[in-house]
Amino acid sequence: MFTTKTKRLVNAFSVAILCWLAATGCDQKHTIEPLADDAVILAFGDSLTFGTGAKKEQAYPAQLQALISRTVINAGIPGEVSKSGLRRLPALLTQHQPDLIIICHGANDILRRQNLQQTSINIQQMIDMSRSHGAEVILVGVPEFGIFLTSAEFYTELADDNRLPIENTVLSDVLKVAAYKSDQIHPNAQGYGFVAKRLAELLKNSDAI
């Protein structure tokens, strides 16, 4: 039987644990600096950013620009792996001086069964490079293409480690709906619109807009 003193100690310890969890952000929302009306956003990635499967003006960057009334530059290259993207990024950061970069990369690494630990390292370097140029960062998780279409685990780890907002399910959600797809791995115009809406919601929830 617990004594009254023991019960009090247990209750105090439980409260302390709850406070610690709250302080460390057990389910904390990661926020970014608000974007000015003239902010520049760099959408960086591969064919999923470029808009393969739809017209260029129907790709998610163009549709996101219309939703949030900020400039969104489409910097997607079909077929690009993260190693190549890492080499390409510095020039884009210098050229455009973005306030925010949306990183949606790694799909071709996954499709080509490359070492995903190295993919994670490459994307971490993209994050570091973007921040060193003064840009905020959000991530888009890419699914491991298969039966369940769940986002590769390292995207969540990167978001947590770097305290970044992440949209981790939108591509999986799109690719589960035939009406949203142009082929097995690419959205169509409607699908890219769905991606744009979810990213706009993420920006609002992250206090960016």
C-alpha atoms as a PDB file:
ATOM      1  CA  MET A   1       0.000   0.000   0.000  1.00  0.00           C
ATOM      2  CA  PHE A   2       1.241   3.481  -0.855  1.00  0.00           C
ATOM      3  CA  THR A   3       1.446   5.972   1.987  1.00  0.00           C
ATOM      4  CA  THR A   4       0.020   9.466   1.523  1.00  0.00           C
ATOM      5  CA  LYS A   5       3.578  10.809   1.269  1.00  0.00           C
ATOM      6  CA  THR A   6       4.466   8.242  -1.417  1.00  0.00           C
ATOM      7  CA  LYS A   7       1.348   9.096  -3.419  1.00  0.00           C
ATOM      8  CA  ARG A   8       2.260  12.759  -3.290  1.00  0.00           C
ATOM      9  CA  LEU A   9       5.763  11.992  -4.525  1.00  0.00           C
ATOM     10  CA  VAL A  10       4.385   9.873  -7.384  1.00  0.00           C
ATOM     11  CA  ASN A  11       1.948  12.623  -8.369  1.00  0.00           C
ATOM     12  CA  ALA A  12       4.678  15.249  -8.243  1.00  0.00           C
ATOM     13  CA  PHE A  13       6.951  13.069 -10.360  1.00  0.00           C
ATOM     14  CA  SER A  14       4.161  12.511 -12.912  1.00  0.00           C
ATOM     15  CA  VAL A  15       3.522  16.243 -13.149  1.00  0.00           C
ATOM     16  CA  ALA A  16       7.237  16.872 -13.606  1.00  0.00           C
ATOM     17  CA  ILE A  17       7.401  14.346 -16.443  1.00  0.00           C
ATOM     18  CA  LEU A  18       4.395  15.934 -18.167  1.00  0.00           C
ATOM     19  CA  CYS A  19       5.951  19.382 -17.855  1.00  0.00           C
ATOM     20  CA  TRP A  20       9.226  18.097 -19.246  1.00  0.00           C
ATOM     21  CA  LEU A  21       7.464  16.521 -22.219  1.00  0.00           C
ATOM     22  CA  ALA A  22       5.640  19.779 -22.887  1.00  0.00           C
ATOM     23  CA  ALA A  23       8.835  21.791 -22.640  1.00  0.00           C
ATOM     24  CA  THR A  24      10.718  19.511 -25.004  1.00  0.00           C
ATOM     25  CA  GLY A  25       7.911  19.617 -27.534  1.00  0.00           C
ATOM     26  CA  CYS A  26       6.532  16.095 -27.547  1.00  0.00           C
ATOM     27  CA  ASP A  27       4.103  17.143 -30.255  1.00  0.00           C
ATOM     28  CA  GLN A  28       5.372  20.653 -30.823  1.00  0.00           C
ATOM     29  CA  LYS A  29       4.594  22.527 -33.994  1.00  0.00           C
ATOM     30  CA  HIS A  30       7.695  23.715 -35.814  1.00  0.00           C
ATOM     31  CA  THR A  31       7.318  27.278 -37.016  1.00  0.00           C
ATOM     32  CA  ILE A  32       9.219  29.500 -39.417  1.00  0.00           C
ATOM     33  CA  GLU A  33       9.520  33.230 -39.848  1.00  0.00           C
ATOM     34  CA  PRO A  34       6.528  34.932 -41.502  1.00  0.00           C
ATOM     35  CA  LEU A  35       6.985  35.494 -45.235  1.00  0.00           C
ATOM     36  CA  ALA A  36       6.696  39.055 -46.501  1.00  0.00           C
ATOM     37  CA  ASP A  37       4.339  39.763 -49.377  1.00  0.00           C
ATOM     38  CA  ASP A  38       7.336  40.033 -51.727  1.00  0.00           C
ATOM     39  CA  ALA A  39       9.054  36.900 -50.413  1.00  0.00           C
ATOM     40  CA  VAL A  40      10.700  34.485 -52.843  1.00  0.00           C
ATOM     41  CA  ILE A  41      10.162  30.745 -52.406  1.00  0.00           C
ATOM     42  CA  LEU A  42      12.387  28.211 -54.151  1.00  0.00           C
ATOM     43  CA  ALA A  43      10.668  24.897 -54.856  1.00  0.00           C
ATOM     44  CA  PHE A  44      13.627  22.536 -55.185  1.00  0.00           C
ATOM     45  CA  GLY A  45      13.453  18.952 -56.334  1.00  0.00           C
ATOM     46  CA  ASP A  46      13.079  16.538 -59.225  1.00  0.00           C
ATOM     47  CA  SER A  47      10.194  15.633 -61.554  1.00  0.00           C
ATOM     48  CA  LEU A  48       7.666  15.875 -58.713  1.00  0.00           C
ATOM     49  CA  THR A  49       8.556  19.559 -58.445  1.00  0.00           C
ATOM     50  CA  PHE A  50       9.049  20.134 -62.169  1.00  0.00           C
ATOM     51  CA  GLY A  51       5.512  18.894 -62.799  1.00  0.00           C
ATOM     52  CA  THR A  52       6.010  15.819 -64.961  1.00  0.00           C
ATOM     53  CA  GLY A  53       2.548  14.587 -65.942  1.00  0.00           C
ATOM     54  CA  ALA A  54       1.043  18.059 -66.301  1.00  0.00           C
ATOM     55  CA  LYS A  55       1.721  21.388 -67.965  1.00  0.00           C
ATOM     56  CA  LYS A  56       4.361  23.588 -66.348  1.00  0.00           C
ATOM     57  CA  GLU A  57       1.707  26.063 -65.201  1.00  0.00           C
ATOM     58  CA  GLN A  58      -0.104  23.166 -63.484  1.00  0.00           C
ATOM     59  CA  ALA A  59       2.925  21.983 -61.474  1.00  0.00           C
ATOM     60  CA  TYR A  60       2.624  22.436 -57.733  1.00  0.00           C
ATOM     61  CA  PRO A  61       4.929  25.517 -57.554  1.00  0.00           C
ATOM     62  CA  ALA A  62       2.734  27.467 -59.985  1.00  0.00           C
ATOM     63  CA  GLN A  63      -0.455  26.425 -58.203  1.00  0.00           C
ATOM     64  CA  LEU A  64       1.069  27.221 -54.798  1.00  0.00           C
ATOM     65  CA  GLN A  65       2.067  30.679 -56.032  1.00  0.00           C
ATOM     66  CA  ALA A  66      -1.554  31.372 -56.978  1.00  0.00           C
ATOM     67  CA  LEU A  67      -2.768  30.193 -53.558  1.00  0.00           C
ATOM     68  CA  ILE A  68      -0.398  32.193 -51.360  1.00  0.00           C
ATOM     69  CA  SER A  69       0.322  35.263 -53.528  1.00  0.00           C
ATOM     70  CA  ARG A  70       4.108  34.927 -53.220  1.00  0.00           C
ATOM     71  CA  THR A  71       6.674  34.208 -55.920  1.00  0.00           C
ATOM     72  CA  VAL A  72       7.386  30.479 -56.135  1.00  0.00           C
ATOM     73  CA  ILE A  73      10.258  29.502 -58.442  1.00  0.00           C
ATOM     74  CA  ASN A  74      10.102  26.032 -59.971  1.00  0.00           C
ATOM     75  CA  ALA A  75      13.575  24.526 -59.607  1.00  0.00           C
ATOM     76  CA  GLY A  76      12.681  20.931 -60.390  1.00  0.00           C
ATOM     77  CA  ILE A  77      14.801  18.734 -62.679  1.00  0.00           C
ATOM     78  CA  PRO A  78      13.282  15.423 -63.839  1.00  0.00           C
ATOM     79  CA  GLY A  79      15.438  12.392 -63.126  1.00  0.00           C
ATOM     80  CA  GLU A  80      17.785  14.176 -60.757  1.00  0.00           C
ATOM     81  CA  VAL A  81      19.234  12.280 -57.793  1.00  0.00           C
ATOM     82  CA  SER A  82      20.038  14.007 -54.519  1.00  0.00           C
ATOM     83  CA  LYS A  83      23.797  13.977 -55.142  1.00  0.00           C
ATOM     84  CA  SER A  84      23.278  16.010 -58.319  1.00  0.00           C
ATOM     85  CA  GLY A  85      20.745  18.260 -56.611  1.00  0.00           C
ATOM     86  CA  LEU A  86      23.251  19.058 -53.893  1.00  0.00           C
ATOM     87  CA  ARG A  87      25.725  20.237 -56.524  1.00  0.00           C
ATOM     88  CA  ARG A  88      23.053  22.326 -58.263  1.00  0.00           C
ATOM     89  CA  LEU A  89      21.661  24.079 -55.195  1.00  0.00           C
ATOM     90  CA  PRO A  90      24.394  26.652 -54.400  1.00  0.00           C
ATOM     91  CA  ALA A  91      24.018  28.510 -57.702  1.00  0.00           C
ATOM     92  CA  LEU A  92      20.241  28.694 -57.261  1.00  0.00           C
ATOM     93  CA  LEU A  93      20.567  30.093 -53.755  1.00  0.00           C
ATOM     94  CA  THR A  94      22.985  32.732 -54.994  1.00  0.00           C
ATOM     95  CA  GLN A  95      20.851  33.586 -58.018  1.00  0.00           C
ATOM     96  CA  HIS A  96      17.442  33.808 -56.363  1.00  0.00           C
ATOM     97  CA  GLN A  97      18.249  34.612 -52.706  1.00  0.00           C
ATOM     98  CA  PRO A  98      15.086  32.814 -51.551  1.00  0.00           C
ATOM     99  CA  ASP A  99      13.398  33.515 -48.236  1.00  0.00           C
ATOM    100  CA  LEU A 100      12.145  29.935 -48.114  1.00  0.00           C
ATOM    101  CA  ILE A 101      13.131  26.718 -49.839  1.00  0.00           C
ATOM    102  CA  ILE A 102      10.798  23.745 -50.183  1.00  0.00           C
ATOM    103  CA  ILE A 103      12.943  20.617 -50.464  1.00  0.00           C
ATOM    104  CA  CYS A 104      11.214  17.689 -52.146  1.00  0.00           C
ATOM    105  CA  HIS A 105      14.079  15.452 -53.192  1.00  0.00           C
ATOM    106  CA  GLY A 106      15.151  11.834 -53.073  1.00  0.00           C
ATOM    107  CA  ALA A 107      12.500  10.136 -55.220  1.00  0.00           C
ATOM    108  CA  ASN A 108      15.027   9.023 -57.818  1.00  0.00           C
ATOM    109  CA  ASP A 109      17.393   7.777 -55.133  1.00  0.00           C
ATOM    110  CA  ILE A 110      14.538   5.613 -53.862  1.00  0.00           C
ATOM    111  CA  LEU A 111      13.530   4.406 -57.325  1.00  0.00           C
ATOM    112  CA  ARG A 112      17.134   3.515 -58.199  1.00  0.00           C
ATOM    113  CA  ARG A 113      17.616   1.768 -54.847  1.00  0.00           C
ATOM    114  CA  GLN A 114      20.514   3.981 -53.864  1.00  0.00           C
ATOM    115  CA  ASN A 115      21.862   4.145 -50.332  1.00  0.00           C
ATOM    116  CA  LEU A 116      19.203   6.119 -48.462  1.00  0.00           C
ATOM    117  CA  GLN A 117      21.562   6.897 -45.629  1.00  0.00           C
ATOM    118  CA  GLN A 118      23.596   8.874 -48.149  1.00  0.00           C
ATOM    119  CA  THR A 119      20.387  10.445 -49.487  1.00  0.00           C
ATOM    120  CA  SER A 120      19.611  11.630 -45.970  1.00  0.00           C
ATOM    121  CA  ILE A 121      23.112  13.090 -45.663  1.00  0.00           C
ATOM    122  CA  ASN A 122      22.703  14.881 -48.998  1.00  0.00           C
ATOM    123  CA  ILE A 123      19.387  16.421 -47.962  1.00  0.00           C
ATOM    124  CA  GLN A 124      20.843  17.429 -44.598  1.00  0.00           C
ATOM    125  CA  GLN A 125      23.547  19.297 -46.499  1.00  0.00           C
ATOM    126  CA  MET A 126      20.831  20.974 -48.590  1.00  0.00           C
ATOM    127  CA  ILE A 127      19.165  22.109 -45.367  1.00  0.00           C
ATOM    128  CA  ASP A 128      22.432  23.421 -43.937  1.00  0.00           C
ATOM    129  CA  MET A 129      23.298  25.207 -47.166  1.00  0.00           C
ATOM    130  CA  SER A 130      19.865  26.834 -47.402  1.00  0.00           C
ATOM    131  CA  ARG A 131      20.018  28.056 -43.824  1.00  0.00           C
ATOM    132  CA  SER A 132      23.523  29.423 -44.314  1.00  0.00           C
ATOM    133  CA  HIS A 133      22.039  31.591 -47.090  1.00  0.00           C
ATOM    134  CA  GLY A 134      19.377  32.876 -44.703  1.00  0.00           C
ATOM    135  CA  ALA A 135      16.516  30.796 -46.099  1.00  0.00           C
ATOM    136  CA  GLU A 136      13.870  29.029 -44.061  1.00  0.00           C
ATOM    137  CA  VAL A 137      13.278  25.374 -45.000  1.00  0.00           C
ATOM    138  CA  ILE A 138      10.329  23.015 -45.160  1.00  0.00           C
ATOM    139  CA  LEU A 139      10.456  19.386 -46.253  1.00  0.00           C
ATOM    140  CA  VAL A 140       8.198  17.222 -48.378  1.00  0.00           C
ATOM    141  CA  GLY A 141       8.521  13.512 -47.655  1.00  0.00           C
ATOM    142  CA  VAL A 142       8.682  11.154 -50.630  1.00  0.00           C
ATOM    143  CA  PRO A 143       7.124   7.694 -50.349  1.00  0.00           C
ATOM    144  CA  GLU A 144       9.010   4.472 -50.801  1.00  0.00           C
ATOM    145  CA  PHE A 145       7.115   3.323 -53.854  1.00  0.00           C
ATOM    146  CA  GLY A 146       5.436   0.032 -53.037  1.00  0.00           C
ATOM    147  CA  ILE A 147       2.254  -1.425 -51.614  1.00  0.00           C
ATOM    148  CA  PHE A 148       1.877   0.927 -48.643  1.00  0.00           C
ATOM    149  CA  LEU A 149       3.319   4.146 -50.104  1.00  0.00           C
ATOM    150  CA  THR A 150       4.597   5.430 -46.775  1.00  0.00           C
ATOM    151  CA  SER A 151       7.156   8.207 -46.690  1.00  0.00           C
ATOM    152  CA  ALA A 152      10.760   7.116 -46.271  1.00  0.00           C
ATOM    153  CA  GLU A 153      11.634   7.240 -42.578  1.00  0.00           C
ATOM    154  CA  PHE A 154      14.615   9.560 -42.915  1.00  0.00           C
ATOM    155  CA  TYR A 155      12.404  12.524 -43.874  1.00  0.00           C
ATOM    156  CA  THR A 156      10.750  12.512 -40.449  1.00  0.00           C
ATOM    157  CA  GLU A 157      14.141  12.158 -38.794  1.00  0.00           C
ATOM    158  CA  LEU A 158      15.504  15.135 -40.724  1.00  0.00           C
ATOM    159  CA  ALA A 159      12.477  17.251 -39.840  1.00  0.00           C
ATOM    160  CA  ASP A 160      12.747  16.367 -36.157  1.00  0.00           C
ATOM    161  CA  ASP A 161      16.514  16.824 -35.958  1.00  0.00           C
ATOM    162  CA  ASN A 162      16.349  20.208 -37.682  1.00  0.00           C
ATOM    163  CA  ARG A 163      13.006  21.318 -36.198  1.00  0.00           C
ATOM    164  CA  LEU A 164      11.500  21.809 -39.643  1.00  0.00           C
ATOM    165  CA  PRO A 165       7.877  21.801 -40.787  1.00  0.00           C
ATOM    166  CA  ILE A 166       7.226  18.768 -42.969  1.00  0.00           C
ATOM    167  CA  GLU A 167       4.432  17.621 -45.265  1.00  0.00           C
ATOM    168  CA  ASN A 168       5.024  13.915 -44.952  1.00  0.00           C
ATOM    169  CA  THR A 169       1.904  12.299 -46.415  1.00  0.00           C
ATOM    170  CA  VAL A 170       0.662  14.390 -49.329  1.00  0.00           C
ATOM    171  CA  LEU A 171       2.519  12.512 -52.074  1.00  0.00           C
ATOM    172  CA  SER A 172       1.425   9.191 -50.620  1.00  0.00           C
ATOM    173  CA  ASP A 173      -2.156  10.443 -50.486  1.00  0.00           C
ATOM    174  CA  VAL A 174      -2.033  11.601 -54.104  1.00  0.00           C
ATOM    175  CA  LEU A 175      -0.541   8.373 -55.416  1.00  0.00           C
ATOM    176  CA  LYS A 176      -3.280   6.325 -53.752  1.00  0.00           C
ATOM    177  CA  VAL A 177      -5.954   8.045 -55.851  1.00  0.00           C
ATOM    178  CA  ALA A 178      -6.111   7.138 -59.546  1.00  0.00           C
ATOM    179  CA  ALA A 179      -7.859  10.403 -60.443  1.00  0.00           C
ATOM    180  CA  TYR A 180      -4.848  12.351 -59.105  1.00  0.00           C
ATOM    181  CA  LYS A 181      -2.178  10.480 -61.094  1.00  0.00           C
ATOM    182  CA  SER A 182      -0.744  10.799 -64.593  1.00  0.00           C
ATOM    183  CA  ASP A 183       1.223   7.552 -64.138  1.00  0.00           C
ATOM    184  CA  GLN A 184       2.355   5.298 -61.301  1.00  0.00           C
ATOM    185  CA  ILE A 185       4.690   7.850 -59.708  1.00  0.00           C
ATOM    186  CA  HIS A 186       3.591  11.293 -60.929  1.00  0.00           C
ATOM    187  CA  PRO A 187       0.525  13.401 -60.150  1.00  0.00           C
ATOM    188  CA  ASN A 188      -1.592  15.014 -62.845  1.00  0.00           C
ATOM    189  CA  ALA A 189      -2.759  18.642 -62.751  1.00  0.00           C
ATOM    190  CA  GLN A 190      -5.417  17.839 -60.158  1.00  0.00           C
ATOM    191  CA  GLY A 191      -2.910  15.930 -58.067  1.00  0.00           C
ATOM    192  CA  TYR A 192      -0.415  18.796 -58.136  1.00  0.00           C
ATOM    193  CA  GLY A 193      -3.242  21.092 -57.087  1.00  0.00           C
ATOM    194  CA  PHE A 194      -3.828  18.838 -54.084  1.00  0.00           C
ATOM    195  CA  VAL A 195      -0.121  19.054 -53.220  1.00  0.00           C
ATOM    196  CA  ALA A 196      -0.209  22.854 -53.514  1.00  0.00           C
ATOM    197  CA  LYS A 197      -3.206  23.117 -51.183  1.00  0.00           C
ATOM    198  CA  ARG A 198      -1.579  20.943 -48.544  1.00  0.00           C
ATOM    199  CA  LEU A 199       1.641  22.953 -48.725  1.00  0.00           C
ATOM    200  CA  ALA A 200      -0.336  26.176 -48.371  1.00  0.00           C
ATOM    201  CA  GLU A 201      -1.946  24.689 -45.254  1.00  0.00           C
ATOM    202  CA  LEU A 202       1.488  23.721 -43.915  1.00  0.00           C
ATOM    203  CA  LEU A 203       2.748  27.272 -44.431  1.00  0.00           C
ATOM    204  CA  LYS A 204      -0.255  28.662 -42.570  1.00  0.00           C
ATOM    205  CA  ASN A 205       0.122  26.168 -39.727  1.00  0.00           C
ATOM    206  CA  SER A 206       3.819  27.028 -39.514  1.00  0.00           C
ATOM    207  CA  ASP A 207       3.051  30.757 -39.153  1.00  0.00           C
ATOM    208  CA  ALA A 208       4.751  31.541 -42.466  1.00  0.00           C
ATOM    209  CA  ILE A 209       1.664  33.165 -43.970  1.00  0.00           C
END
